[in-house]
Amino acid sequence: MNHPRSARGALPRHDDRRRSFPQVAPREAPDGRFAATWWGNAWVEALEDTALDPARLSRGKAYAGRGHVDAITVTPGRVVAYVHGSRPRPYRTEIRMRTLGDDGWERFLDEATARPDHIAALLDKDVPHALEAVTGLLPAPGDLVPDCSCPDDGYPCKHAAALCYQAARLLDEDPFVLFLMRGRGEQELLADLTRRNAARSAAETTAAAPPMPTVPARAALAATAPGASGVPGAPGAGLPPLPRPLSLPDRPGRPAVFPPDPEAPDPLALDLLASEAAVRAHTFLATGHDPVAALTPWQDAVRLAAAHPGSGLTASTRALYRDLAYALDRTPTDLARAVAAWRQGGAAGLAVLEEPWDPPAGLFDRARPALLAADFPAFRPWRNRLSTESLQLRLGRDGLWYGYESDGGREDWWPRGEPDQDPVGALTDLLGG
């Protein structure tokens, strides 16, 4: 999603709980609104729904449009700026609001880490609609309390209204400004999200890992009778046999989570190296071929990003998605969606995401009656895709069905679940059943 960039100016100075933004340049809004995002509009509507005098709102909007609001400082529960009015000396103006409690932030973290597309959206400075469910995150009518040093006792006065409209531009540019208003700075929140994702990833990996046969170190290193070398105490023929070689797993394993250490290499670099080695080693063991040689630059970028073992929101991860995506004229959301497809089905899964095609009669035509017979809703066909408002199945050229999901009516499809030869099985997996 593209957002207006005029609110950024120079990079804000901040200590994670205090961010100061330079004066926003005047800007005309062709549609008459100051906010370009749904969460920015929620901010504006909260003030407008509370305002007692529409005329003051109109004057405040005009003040904001003419650049009467100086630099804006945001701290938990407060937005402050000096606003110029009819007198030479500007007025100190602020908007106050409640911060989100610990229970509210736990709900936010649960929602934000529930799906890969939520993480990707936040990486791309977008707020998923699912986060509307977090009570107290978005402002409601009466939640924003204006205050100003001017003599006007309006609620709000035109100076407070101007500050509110300008603050909406900051929210358009960076939703982490909203999170700071509600009580948590960007680095603190990213650290919480990273820990939550790391714990979830470690739990999933541990649950999926089969027991590994072992030989106790004490037995392997125990002194025995002289072996063939004749050296007393050297390991000899009495050692227990080595375990049988492990069978080739279905897919490469995920490496451990590397904690940051100022004395160690960058943890993301270590993570990428380990993931890359695991993927290539697995493929060499299975096929004897190098999986990288025939890839396009875009496929290779997706493969590199997919090799990262998790989707934690760290500065390094954000830089990885940003750099790989922009180098190929894509957005971080494009890359995150492609990564989800790659993890779903490798190169075949990426082709399903990006290449609609016309399947021959037979397999595709039998899918709709099979879904109806299994009491699933009617699906609309288009090329190799069957869709409802929020669910989709795509037939790959490999004969597998791939599940996709979107918020209702948004046409924002994300790969979900495991591919299956049976469309009913793919849809059942997609629905978690």
Protein backbone atom coordinates (compact mmCIF):
# COMPACT_ATOMS: atom_id res chain seq x y z
CA MET A 1 0.00 0.00 0.00
CA ASN A 2 1.40 3.39 -0.93
CA HIS A 3 1.11 6.16 1.61
CA PRO A 4 1.74 9.89 1.22
CA ARG A 5 5.32 10.78 2.04
CA SER A 6 4.92 14.50 2.73
CA ALA A 7 4.57 13.98 6.48
CA ARG A 8 8.02 12.53 6.88
CA GLY A 9 10.40 15.37 6.10
CA ALA A 10 13.60 14.70 7.96
CA LEU A 11 13.76 11.51 9.99
CA PRO A 12 12.15 11.98 13.42
CA ARG A 13 14.34 12.23 16.48
CA HIS A 14 13.17 9.79 19.13
CA ASP A 15 14.12 7.78 22.19
CA ASP A 16 11.39 5.19 21.50
CA ARG A 17 8.98 6.83 23.96
CA ARG A 18 9.25 10.32 22.49
CA ARG A 19 9.20 11.21 18.80
CA SER A 20 9.41 14.71 17.35
CA PHE A 21 8.40 15.38 13.76
CA PRO A 22 9.29 18.53 11.82
CA GLN A 23 6.58 20.88 10.59
CA VAL A 24 4.42 19.25 7.95
CA ALA A 25 4.41 21.13 4.67
CA PRO A 26 1.00 22.44 3.52
CA ARG A 27 -0.80 20.00 1.28
CA GLU A 28 -4.05 20.08 -0.61
CA ALA A 29 -6.34 17.10 -0.15
CA PRO A 30 -8.24 16.56 -3.43
CA ASP A 31 -10.96 14.51 -1.74
CA GLY A 32 -11.33 16.95 1.14
CA ARG A 33 -9.87 14.52 3.68
CA PHE A 34 -6.55 14.73 5.47
CA ALA A 35 -6.19 11.00 6.09
CA ALA A 36 -5.39 8.49 3.34
CA THR A 37 -5.57 5.31 5.46
CA TRP A 38 -8.45 3.69 7.29
CA TRP A 39 -6.72 4.10 10.66
CA GLY A 40 -5.91 7.75 9.92
CA ASN A 41 -9.56 8.34 9.08
CA ALA A 42 -10.57 6.61 12.33
CA TRP A 43 -8.43 9.17 14.16
CA VAL A 44 -10.07 12.12 12.38
CA GLU A 45 -13.57 10.72 12.77
CA ALA A 46 -13.07 10.30 16.52
CA LEU A 47 -12.50 14.04 16.85
CA GLU A 48 -15.19 15.06 14.37
CA ASP A 49 -17.80 12.85 16.07
CA THR A 50 -17.04 14.55 19.39
CA ALA A 51 -16.82 18.14 18.13
CA LEU A 52 -19.56 20.50 19.28
CA ASP A 53 -19.01 23.12 16.57
CA PRO A 54 -18.48 22.09 12.91
CA ALA A 55 -17.36 25.64 12.10
CA ARG A 56 -14.35 25.32 14.39
CA LEU A 57 -13.47 22.04 12.72
CA SER A 58 -13.59 23.72 9.33
CA ARG A 59 -11.29 26.53 10.49
CA GLY A 60 -8.95 24.00 12.07
CA LYS A 61 -8.76 22.07 8.82
CA ALA A 62 -7.93 25.29 7.00
CA TYR A 63 -5.20 26.09 9.56
CA ALA A 64 -3.70 22.64 9.03
CA GLY A 65 -3.84 23.03 5.26
CA ARG A 66 -2.01 26.36 5.44
CA GLY A 67 0.80 24.94 7.59
CA HIS A 68 -0.06 26.68 10.88
CA VAL A 69 1.00 23.63 12.95
CA ASP A 70 4.65 23.61 14.04
CA ALA A 71 6.70 20.51 14.87
CA ILE A 72 4.67 17.75 16.53
CA THR A 73 5.90 15.75 19.53
CA VAL A 74 4.32 12.39 20.34
CA THR A 75 4.64 10.61 23.68
CA PRO A 76 2.43 7.92 25.28
CA GLY A 77 -1.03 9.37 25.71
CA ARG A 78 -0.20 12.81 24.31
CA VAL A 79 0.33 14.74 21.06
CA VAL A 80 1.70 18.27 21.47
CA ALA A 81 2.51 21.12 19.06
CA TYR A 82 2.51 24.91 18.83
CA VAL A 83 -0.21 26.18 16.51
CA HIS A 84 -0.22 29.67 14.98
CA GLY A 85 -3.43 31.64 15.13
CA SER A 86 -4.41 35.28 14.71
CA ARG A 87 -1.92 36.51 17.35
CA PRO A 88 1.86 36.71 16.84
CA ARG A 89 2.63 34.18 19.57
CA PRO A 90 1.58 30.56 18.83
CA TYR A 91 -0.58 28.56 21.22
CA ARG A 92 0.51 25.40 22.97
CA THR A 93 -1.96 22.75 21.88
CA GLU A 94 -2.26 19.09 22.78
CA ILE A 95 -4.46 16.05 22.28
CA ARG A 96 -4.62 13.58 25.17
CA MET A 97 -5.86 9.99 25.12
CA ARG A 98 -5.78 6.84 27.23
CA THR A 99 -2.90 4.43 26.79
CA LEU A 100 -3.46 0.73 26.19
CA GLY A 101 -3.10 -1.55 29.21
CA ASP A 102 -1.05 -4.74 29.39
CA ASP A 103 -4.08 -6.90 28.55
CA GLY A 104 -4.75 -4.78 25.48
CA TRP A 105 -1.17 -5.10 24.28
CA GLU A 106 -1.35 -8.88 24.77
CA ARG A 107 -4.41 -8.95 22.50
CA PHE A 108 -2.55 -6.79 19.98
CA LEU A 109 0.45 -9.13 19.99
CA ASP A 110 -1.82 -12.16 19.58
CA GLU A 111 -3.58 -10.60 16.59
CA ALA A 112 -0.40 -9.21 15.00
CA THR A 113 1.41 -12.56 15.08
CA ALA A 114 -1.61 -14.69 14.19
CA ARG A 115 -0.96 -14.66 10.43
CA PRO A 116 2.08 -13.96 8.21
CA ASP A 117 0.16 -11.35 6.24
CA HIS A 118 -0.40 -9.32 9.41
CA ILE A 119 3.35 -9.23 9.99
CA ALA A 120 3.97 -8.31 6.35
CA ALA A 121 1.45 -5.50 6.50
CA LEU A 122 3.12 -3.96 9.54
CA LEU A 123 6.50 -4.27 7.82
CA ASP A 124 5.04 -2.25 4.95
CA LYS A 125 3.63 0.39 7.33
CA ASP A 126 0.09 -0.89 6.91
CA VAL A 127 -2.36 -1.89 9.65
CA PRO A 128 -4.39 -5.07 9.04
CA HIS A 129 -8.13 -4.63 9.53
CA ALA A 130 -8.02 -7.55 11.97
CA LEU A 131 -6.34 -5.24 14.51
CA GLU A 132 -9.59 -3.27 14.74
CA ALA A 133 -10.62 -6.02 17.15
CA VAL A 134 -8.09 -4.78 19.74
CA THR A 135 -10.25 -2.66 22.03
CA GLY A 136 -8.70 0.70 22.80
CA LEU A 137 -6.18 0.73 19.95
CA LEU A 138 -8.15 2.92 17.56
CA PRO A 139 -9.72 6.09 18.96
CA ALA A 140 -13.45 6.14 19.57
CA PRO A 141 -15.71 9.19 19.91
CA GLY A 142 -14.81 10.97 23.13
CA ASP A 143 -11.44 9.23 23.38
CA LEU A 144 -9.43 12.26 22.18
CA VAL A 145 -9.32 15.10 24.71
CA PRO A 146 -8.15 18.46 23.25
CA ASP A 147 -6.52 21.25 25.24
CA CYS A 148 -5.08 24.60 24.14
CA SER A 149 -3.62 27.73 25.72
CA CYS A 150 -5.87 29.97 23.61
CA PRO A 151 -8.87 31.74 25.20
CA ASP A 152 -11.36 29.87 23.01
CA ASP A 153 -13.40 27.41 25.09
CA GLY A 154 -14.67 25.50 22.06
CA TYR A 155 -14.50 21.71 22.12
CA PRO A 156 -12.25 21.50 20.27
CA CYS A 157 -10.91 24.92 19.42
CA LYS A 158 -9.64 25.46 15.89
CA HIS A 159 -6.00 25.07 17.03
CA ALA A 160 -6.65 21.63 18.56
CA ALA A 161 -8.59 20.63 15.47
CA ALA A 162 -5.67 21.70 13.27
CA LEU A 163 -3.27 19.59 15.37
CA CYS A 164 -5.59 16.59 15.12
CA TYR A 165 -5.79 16.85 11.33
CA GLN A 166 -2.01 17.14 11.02
CA ALA A 167 -1.49 14.19 13.37
CA ALA A 168 -3.58 12.11 10.95
CA ARG A 169 -0.88 12.67 8.31
CA LEU A 170 1.72 11.23 10.68
CA LEU A 171 -0.48 8.17 11.22
CA ASP A 172 -0.83 7.74 7.46
CA GLU A 173 2.94 7.69 7.12
CA ASP A 174 3.78 5.45 10.07
CA PRO A 175 1.24 3.44 12.11
CA PHE A 176 3.84 3.03 14.83
CA VAL A 177 3.03 6.64 15.74
CA LEU A 178 -0.44 5.40 16.73
CA PHE A 179 1.11 2.62 18.79
CA LEU A 180 3.31 5.18 20.56
CA MET A 181 0.25 7.31 21.31
CA ARG A 182 -1.25 4.22 22.93
CA GLY A 183 1.80 3.62 25.10
CA ARG A 184 4.52 1.58 23.39
CA GLY A 185 7.48 2.74 21.32
CA GLU A 186 8.47 1.15 18.05
CA GLN A 187 11.61 -0.65 19.26
CA GLU A 188 9.85 -1.94 22.38
CA LEU A 189 6.93 -3.21 20.32
CA LEU A 190 9.19 -4.80 17.69
CA ALA A 191 11.11 -6.59 20.43
CA ASP A 192 7.85 -7.93 21.91
CA LEU A 193 6.69 -9.14 18.49
CA THR A 194 10.06 -10.75 17.78
CA ARG A 195 10.04 -12.67 21.07
CA ARG A 196 6.46 -13.81 20.47
CA ASN A 197 7.29 -15.04 16.96
CA ALA A 198 10.52 -16.72 18.08
CA ALA A 199 8.69 -18.61 20.83
CA ARG A 200 5.94 -19.67 18.44
CA SER A 201 8.48 -20.79 15.83
CA ALA A 202 10.51 -22.74 18.39
CA ALA A 203 7.37 -24.45 19.71
CA GLU A 204 6.27 -25.44 16.20
CA THR A 205 9.73 -26.77 15.34
CA THR A 206 10.00 -28.76 18.57
CA ALA A 207 6.54 -30.27 18.15
CA ALA A 208 7.30 -31.35 14.58
CA ALA A 209 10.77 -32.77 15.20
CA PRO A 210 10.96 -36.60 15.40
CA PRO A 211 13.06 -38.17 18.17
CA MET A 212 16.70 -38.48 17.12
CA PRO A 213 18.64 -41.69 17.85
CA THR A 214 21.73 -41.03 19.93
CA VAL A 215 24.78 -42.64 21.51
CA PRO A 216 25.60 -41.34 25.02
CA ALA A 217 28.83 -39.33 25.00
CA ARG A 218 30.07 -41.26 28.08
CA ALA A 219 29.75 -44.53 26.20
CA ALA A 220 31.34 -43.19 23.03
CA LEU A 221 34.37 -41.76 24.85
CA ALA A 222 34.82 -44.45 27.50
CA ALA A 223 38.28 -46.06 27.75
CA THR A 224 38.22 -49.65 26.52
CA ALA A 225 40.64 -52.42 25.84
CA PRO A 226 43.38 -51.46 23.35
CA GLY A 227 42.02 -51.37 19.87
CA ALA A 228 43.68 -52.10 16.61
CA SER A 229 46.10 -49.23 17.15
CA GLY A 230 47.48 -50.95 20.27
CA VAL A 231 47.33 -47.70 22.26
CA PRO A 232 46.13 -48.34 25.83
CA GLY A 233 42.94 -46.52 26.63
CA ALA A 234 42.12 -45.77 23.00
CA PRO A 235 38.59 -46.44 21.77
CA GLY A 236 38.36 -50.02 20.64
CA ALA A 237 35.99 -52.56 19.24
CA GLY A 238 33.77 -52.49 22.34
CA LEU A 239 32.11 -49.19 21.40
CA PRO A 240 28.38 -49.31 20.70
CA PRO A 241 27.48 -49.05 17.02
CA LEU A 242 26.72 -45.66 15.54
CA PRO A 243 23.06 -44.86 14.96
CA ARG A 244 21.66 -45.57 11.51
CA PRO A 245 21.71 -42.54 9.23
CA LEU A 246 18.59 -40.44 9.51
CA SER A 247 16.08 -40.65 6.69
CA LEU A 248 15.81 -37.61 4.46
CA PRO A 249 13.16 -35.27 5.96
CA ASP A 250 10.28 -33.99 3.86
CA ARG A 251 11.69 -30.45 3.97
CA PRO A 252 14.73 -28.60 5.33
CA GLY A 253 14.75 -27.93 9.04
CA ARG A 254 14.64 -24.48 10.59
CA PRO A 255 17.84 -23.30 12.27
CA ALA A 256 17.90 -22.06 15.83
CA VAL A 257 17.00 -18.48 16.74
CA PHE A 258 20.24 -16.50 16.98
CA PRO A 259 20.15 -13.92 19.82
CA PRO A 260 21.84 -10.57 19.13
CA ASP A 261 25.31 -10.18 20.59
CA PRO A 262 27.56 -7.15 20.04
CA GLU A 263 30.57 -9.45 19.87
CA ALA A 264 29.01 -11.83 17.34
CA PRO A 265 28.17 -11.49 13.64
CA ASP A 266 24.78 -10.10 12.67
CA PRO A 267 22.15 -12.67 13.76
CA LEU A 268 20.17 -12.25 10.53
CA ALA A 269 23.30 -12.99 8.49
CA LEU A 270 23.91 -16.14 10.54
CA ASP A 271 20.29 -17.10 10.17
CA LEU A 272 20.36 -16.67 6.40
CA LEU A 273 23.58 -18.64 6.08
CA ALA A 274 22.19 -21.51 8.15
CA SER A 275 18.90 -21.53 6.26
CA GLU A 276 20.67 -21.38 2.90
CA ALA A 277 22.94 -24.27 3.86
CA ALA A 278 19.99 -26.37 5.04
CA VAL A 279 17.96 -25.80 1.88
CA ARG A 280 20.80 -26.50 -0.51
CA ALA A 281 22.04 -29.52 1.46
CA HIS A 282 18.54 -31.00 1.54
CA THR A 283 18.16 -30.55 -2.21
CA PHE A 284 21.58 -32.01 -2.96
CA LEU A 285 20.78 -35.05 -0.82
CA ALA A 286 17.43 -35.53 -2.50
CA THR A 287 18.28 -34.76 -6.14
CA GLY A 288 21.99 -34.14 -6.56
CA HIS A 289 21.23 -30.80 -8.25
CA ASP A 290 21.93 -27.18 -7.28
CA PRO A 291 18.53 -25.52 -6.68
CA VAL A 292 19.84 -22.00 -7.31
CA ALA A 293 21.35 -22.18 -10.78
CA ALA A 294 18.14 -21.93 -12.82
CA LEU A 295 16.32 -19.32 -10.73
CA THR A 296 15.45 -15.80 -11.91
CA PRO A 297 16.59 -12.85 -9.74
CA TRP A 298 13.04 -12.53 -8.33
CA GLN A 299 12.79 -16.24 -7.54
CA ASP A 300 16.20 -16.13 -5.88
CA ALA A 301 15.17 -13.11 -3.77
CA VAL A 302 12.02 -14.93 -2.67
CA ARG A 303 14.06 -18.04 -1.88
CA LEU A 304 16.51 -16.02 0.23
CA ALA A 305 13.73 -14.33 2.19
CA ALA A 306 11.90 -17.65 2.63
CA ALA A 307 15.09 -19.18 4.07
CA HIS A 308 14.72 -16.86 7.07
CA PRO A 309 13.33 -19.10 9.82
CA GLY A 310 10.64 -16.76 11.09
CA SER A 311 8.80 -13.52 10.51
CA GLY A 312 9.92 -11.57 13.56
CA LEU A 313 9.73 -7.81 13.23
CA THR A 314 13.35 -6.85 13.82
CA ALA A 315 15.20 -4.01 12.20
CA SER A 316 17.31 -6.53 10.30
CA THR A 317 14.26 -8.39 9.02
CA ARG A 318 12.63 -5.19 7.87
CA ALA A 319 15.85 -4.21 6.11
CA LEU A 320 16.02 -7.64 4.44
CA TYR A 321 12.49 -7.41 3.04
CA ARG A 322 12.95 -3.78 2.04
CA ASP A 323 16.29 -4.26 0.30
CA LEU A 324 15.37 -7.45 -1.55
CA ALA A 325 12.00 -6.05 -2.65
CA TYR A 326 13.13 -2.61 -3.74
CA ALA A 327 16.12 -4.03 -5.63
CA LEU A 328 13.62 -5.76 -7.90
CA ASP A 329 11.04 -2.93 -8.01
CA ARG A 330 8.62 -4.72 -5.70
CA THR A 331 7.14 -3.83 -2.31
CA PRO A 332 7.87 -5.63 0.97
CA THR A 333 4.27 -6.87 0.90
CA ASP A 334 4.83 -8.34 -2.58
CA LEU A 335 7.86 -10.15 -1.22
CA ALA A 336 6.08 -11.36 1.93
CA ARG A 337 3.22 -12.78 -0.15
CA ALA A 338 5.70 -14.50 -2.46
CA VAL A 339 7.57 -15.91 0.55
CA ALA A 340 4.31 -17.39 1.85
CA ALA A 341 3.76 -19.01 -1.56
CA TRP A 342 7.34 -20.34 -1.65
CA ARG A 343 6.96 -21.84 1.81
CA GLN A 344 3.69 -23.37 0.70
CA GLY A 345 5.04 -25.09 -2.40
CA GLY A 346 8.51 -23.89 -3.46
CA ALA A 347 8.94 -22.69 -7.03
CA ALA A 348 5.67 -24.41 -8.00
CA GLY A 349 3.86 -22.51 -5.23
CA LEU A 350 5.31 -19.19 -6.45
CA ALA A 351 4.14 -19.98 -9.98
CA VAL A 352 0.64 -20.65 -8.65
CA LEU A 353 0.68 -17.23 -6.97
CA GLU A 354 1.86 -15.29 -10.01
CA GLU A 355 0.79 -17.21 -13.12
CA PRO A 356 -2.91 -17.84 -13.78
CA TRP A 357 -3.45 -20.40 -16.54
CA ASP A 358 -6.22 -22.31 -18.30
CA PRO A 359 -6.26 -25.95 -17.17
CA PRO A 360 -7.60 -28.63 -19.50
CA ALA A 361 -11.03 -30.13 -18.92
CA GLY A 362 -11.23 -32.89 -16.38
CA LEU A 363 -9.46 -32.34 -13.07
CA PHE A 364 -10.54 -28.72 -12.72
CA ASP A 365 -14.13 -29.38 -13.84
CA ARG A 366 -14.56 -32.16 -11.27
CA ALA A 367 -13.52 -29.94 -8.37
CA ARG A 368 -16.70 -27.85 -8.02
CA PRO A 369 -19.10 -30.83 -7.79
CA ALA A 370 -16.75 -32.46 -5.29
CA LEU A 371 -16.76 -29.34 -3.10
CA LEU A 372 -20.54 -29.03 -3.28
CA ALA A 373 -20.91 -32.71 -2.36
CA ALA A 374 -18.75 -32.05 0.72
CA ASP A 375 -21.16 -29.25 1.79
CA PHE A 376 -18.78 -26.42 0.98
CA PRO A 377 -20.23 -23.20 -0.50
CA ALA A 378 -20.40 -22.67 -4.25
CA PHE A 379 -17.12 -21.49 -5.78
CA ARG A 380 -16.83 -19.13 -8.76
CA PRO A 381 -14.43 -20.40 -11.47
CA TRP A 382 -11.90 -18.18 -13.23
CA ARG A 383 -9.08 -19.80 -15.19
CA ASN A 384 -7.32 -22.11 -12.67
CA ARG A 385 -9.02 -20.55 -9.62
CA LEU A 386 -12.15 -21.30 -7.62
CA SER A 387 -13.23 -18.49 -5.28
CA THR A 388 -15.75 -17.40 -2.67
CA GLU A 389 -15.67 -14.01 -0.92
CA SER A 390 -12.83 -15.06 1.39
CA LEU A 391 -11.59 -18.50 0.27
CA GLN A 392 -9.84 -19.59 -2.90
CA LEU A 393 -8.36 -22.75 -4.38
CA ARG A 394 -5.81 -22.59 -7.20
CA LEU A 395 -4.89 -25.57 -9.35
CA GLY A 396 -1.16 -25.72 -10.01
CA ARG A 397 0.46 -27.12 -13.13
CA ASP A 398 1.78 -29.86 -10.84
CA GLY A 399 -1.80 -31.13 -10.32
CA LEU A 400 -1.99 -29.93 -6.71
CA TRP A 401 -4.62 -27.61 -5.23
CA TYR A 402 -3.29 -24.62 -3.29
CA GLY A 403 -5.37 -22.81 -0.65
CA TYR A 404 -5.66 -19.02 -0.43
CA GLU A 405 -7.49 -16.70 1.95
CA SER A 406 -8.52 -13.03 1.93
CA ASP A 407 -10.59 -10.68 4.05
CA GLY A 408 -14.09 -10.66 2.60
CA GLY A 409 -14.43 -8.59 -0.56
CA ARG A 410 -10.84 -7.27 -0.55
CA GLU A 411 -9.29 -9.46 -3.29
CA ASP A 412 -6.12 -9.60 -1.18
CA TRP A 413 -5.27 -13.28 -1.49
CA TRP A 414 -2.59 -14.94 0.68
CA PRO A 415 -1.37 -18.56 0.46
CA ARG A 416 -2.57 -20.69 3.37
CA GLY A 417 -2.37 -24.37 4.27
CA GLU A 418 -0.73 -27.32 2.51
CA PRO A 419 -1.26 -28.15 -1.18
CA ASP A 420 -3.24 -31.33 -1.85
CA GLN A 421 -4.20 -33.45 -4.84
CA ASP A 422 -7.79 -33.37 -3.59
CA PRO A 423 -9.53 -29.94 -3.57
CA VAL A 424 -11.64 -31.01 -0.58
CA GLY A 425 -8.48 -31.93 1.33
CA ALA A 426 -6.79 -28.62 0.45
CA LEU A 427 -9.83 -26.64 1.57
CA THR A 428 -10.17 -28.65 4.78
CA ASP A 429 -6.52 -27.93 5.60
CA LEU A 430 -7.05 -24.24 4.80
CA LEU A 431 -9.96 -24.08 7.25
CA GLY A 432 -7.92 -25.82 9.93
CA GLY A 433 -10.10 -28.87 10.00
